């Protein structure tokens, strides 16, 4: 039996850094979580960034989805199919703090050029590459030009 889980998350930038969460097992991941009944996926993405990293962010645009399967070891090894919708976001400050009860031991803004080497999962790496490209070409230049005014 396969169960389907739908989630949403954020690739969050602050200046030339990106928000990353380190799990207790050592994996670096992006903030994401389950879409609640009746909740829009954009709301979920913002809520999960706030809950998992204590970051208040702003959505700029939708950047894609990833799909993967896994066996849930906490639920009798049930086979799961997961879909995650991703949004490019920015934060107003570099403050962040991990949600320890969800298995995160560190929340940190990491320099953009170091992030790809830290992301463990290939599907998340593709989302991160796309987000970096969009952010560098569309939003970072805009932020830099505003700070020069």
Protein backbone atom coordinates (compact mmCIF):
# COMPACT_ATOMS: atom_id res chain seq x y z
CA UNK A 1 0.00 0.00 0.00
CA UNK A 2 1.28 3.46 -0.96
CA UNK A 3 0.25 6.61 0.87
CA UNK A 4 0.58 10.05 -0.70
CA UNK A 5 1.93 13.05 1.21
CA UNK A 6 1.88 16.57 -0.23
CA UNK A 7 4.21 19.20 1.21
CA UNK A 8 5.50 22.68 0.48
CA UNK A 9 8.70 24.46 1.39
CA UNK A 10 10.94 27.40 0.84
CA UNK A 11 14.36 28.14 -0.57
CA UNK A 12 15.05 31.21 1.56
CA UNK A 13 17.73 33.79 0.76
CA UNK A 14 19.15 36.59 2.84
CA UNK A 15 21.52 38.75 0.78
CA UNK A 16 24.14 36.30 -0.60
CA UNK A 17 23.22 33.42 1.72
CA UNK A 18 20.63 30.63 1.80
CA UNK A 19 18.82 29.13 4.78
CA UNK A 20 19.73 25.51 5.51
CA UNK A 21 18.68 23.16 8.31
CA UNK A 22 20.93 20.45 9.71
CA UNK A 23 19.12 17.35 10.92
CA UNK A 24 20.31 15.29 13.87
CA UNK A 25 21.58 12.64 11.40
CA UNK A 26 23.88 15.25 9.80
CA UNK A 27 21.89 15.83 6.59
CA UNK A 28 21.45 19.45 5.45
CA UNK A 29 17.94 20.09 4.11
CA UNK A 30 15.54 22.88 3.18
CA UNK A 31 12.51 23.75 5.32
CA UNK A 32 9.33 22.02 4.18
CA UNK A 33 6.29 20.31 5.61
CA UNK A 34 2.87 18.76 5.24
CA UNK A 35 0.04 20.80 3.72
CA UNK A 36 -2.82 20.92 6.24
CA UNK A 37 -6.42 20.30 5.12
CA UNK A 38 -7.78 23.43 3.41
CA UNK A 39 -4.41 25.19 3.51
CA UNK A 40 -2.94 26.71 0.34
CA UNK A 41 0.55 25.44 -0.44
CA UNK A 42 2.00 28.99 -0.32
CA UNK A 43 0.70 29.37 3.23
CA UNK A 44 2.19 25.99 4.12
CA UNK A 45 5.59 26.97 2.73
CA UNK A 46 5.67 30.19 4.77
CA UNK A 47 4.40 28.41 7.90
CA UNK A 48 6.98 25.65 7.66
CA UNK A 49 9.86 28.13 7.21
CA UNK A 50 8.61 29.94 10.32
CA UNK A 51 8.10 26.76 12.36
CA UNK A 52 11.26 24.90 11.40
CA UNK A 53 13.70 27.84 11.38
CA UNK A 54 11.97 30.76 13.16
CA UNK A 55 12.29 32.78 9.95
CA UNK A 56 9.73 35.27 8.69
CA UNK A 57 10.03 35.17 4.90
CA UNK A 58 8.39 36.62 1.81
CA UNK A 59 7.55 34.55 -1.27
CA UNK A 60 8.86 35.83 -4.60
CA UNK A 61 7.79 33.03 -6.90
CA UNK A 62 7.02 29.35 -7.36
CA UNK A 63 10.08 27.44 -8.57
CA UNK A 64 8.93 23.86 -9.05
CA UNK A 65 8.14 20.55 -7.47
CA UNK A 66 9.93 17.35 -6.65
CA UNK A 67 8.50 13.86 -6.26
CA UNK A 68 10.04 10.91 -4.46
CA UNK A 69 9.21 7.66 -2.72
CA UNK A 70 10.40 6.27 0.59
CA UNK A 71 9.52 3.76 3.30
CA UNK A 72 8.30 5.37 6.52
CA UNK A 73 10.22 3.57 9.26
CA UNK A 74 8.05 5.28 11.89
CA UNK A 75 4.84 3.87 10.36
CA UNK A 76 5.43 0.12 9.91
CA UNK A 77 7.67 0.72 6.89
CA UNK A 78 4.69 2.00 4.87
CA UNK A 79 5.61 2.90 1.29
CA UNK A 80 5.12 6.64 0.79
CA UNK A 81 4.92 8.85 -2.31
CA UNK A 82 5.80 12.48 -1.57
CA UNK A 83 5.26 15.61 -3.66
CA UNK A 84 6.89 18.86 -2.53
CA UNK A 85 6.08 22.31 -3.98
CA UNK A 86 8.95 24.80 -3.66
CA UNK A 87 8.93 28.60 -3.44
CA UNK A 88 11.77 31.08 -3.74
CA UNK A 89 11.71 33.37 -0.70
CA UNK A 90 13.73 36.07 1.00
CA UNK A 91 14.09 37.03 4.64
CA UNK A 92 14.50 40.47 6.16
CA UNK A 93 17.20 39.36 8.61
CA UNK A 94 19.65 36.52 9.12
CA UNK A 95 18.07 35.42 12.42
CA UNK A 96 17.15 31.73 12.48
CA UNK A 97 16.72 29.03 15.12
CA UNK A 98 16.06 25.31 14.55
CA UNK A 99 12.90 23.49 15.61
CA UNK A 100 14.61 20.80 17.67
CA UNK A 101 11.45 18.74 18.29
CA UNK A 102 11.30 18.15 14.51
CA UNK A 103 14.83 16.76 14.44
CA UNK A 104 16.84 19.85 13.51
CA UNK A 105 19.99 20.66 15.44
CA UNK A 106 21.09 23.75 13.49
CA UNK A 107 19.56 26.46 11.32
CA UNK A 108 22.04 28.60 9.42
CA UNK A 109 22.37 30.99 6.52
CA UNK A 110 25.11 29.56 4.31
CA UNK A 111 27.01 31.37 1.57
CA UNK A 112 25.35 30.56 -1.74
CA UNK A 113 28.52 29.15 -3.32
CA UNK A 114 28.80 26.54 -0.51
CA UNK A 115 25.20 25.32 -0.51
CA UNK A 116 25.25 22.84 -3.40
CA UNK A 117 28.05 20.83 -1.79
CA UNK A 118 25.96 20.54 1.39
CA UNK A 119 22.64 19.40 -0.10
CA UNK A 120 22.46 15.61 0.18
CA UNK A 121 19.50 14.73 -2.01
CA UNK A 122 19.74 15.11 -5.79
CA UNK A 123 16.14 16.27 -6.25
CA UNK A 124 16.62 19.05 -3.68
CA UNK A 125 19.93 19.94 -5.34
CA UNK A 126 18.11 20.57 -8.63
CA UNK A 127 15.62 22.87 -6.88
CA UNK A 128 18.50 24.69 -5.15
CA UNK A 129 20.37 25.13 -8.46
CA UNK A 130 17.26 26.57 -10.07
CA UNK A 131 16.59 28.86 -7.09
CA UNK A 132 20.18 30.15 -7.07
CA UNK A 133 20.04 30.88 -10.78
CA UNK A 134 16.74 32.77 -10.50
CA UNK A 135 17.80 34.62 -7.34
CA UNK A 136 21.20 35.67 -8.72
CA UNK A 137 19.78 36.84 -12.05
CA UNK A 138 16.55 38.41 -10.89
CA UNK A 139 16.52 39.32 -7.20
CA UNK A 140 20.09 39.71 -5.95
CA UNK A 141 20.90 42.29 -8.63
CA UNK A 142 17.73 44.17 -7.69
CA UNK A 143 18.69 44.13 -3.98
CA UNK A 144 22.20 45.33 -4.78
CA UNK A 145 20.94 48.20 -6.94
CA UNK A 146 18.54 49.31 -4.16
CA UNK A 147 21.33 49.36 -1.57
CA UNK A 148 23.35 51.69 -3.79
CA UNK A 149 20.63 54.34 -3.80
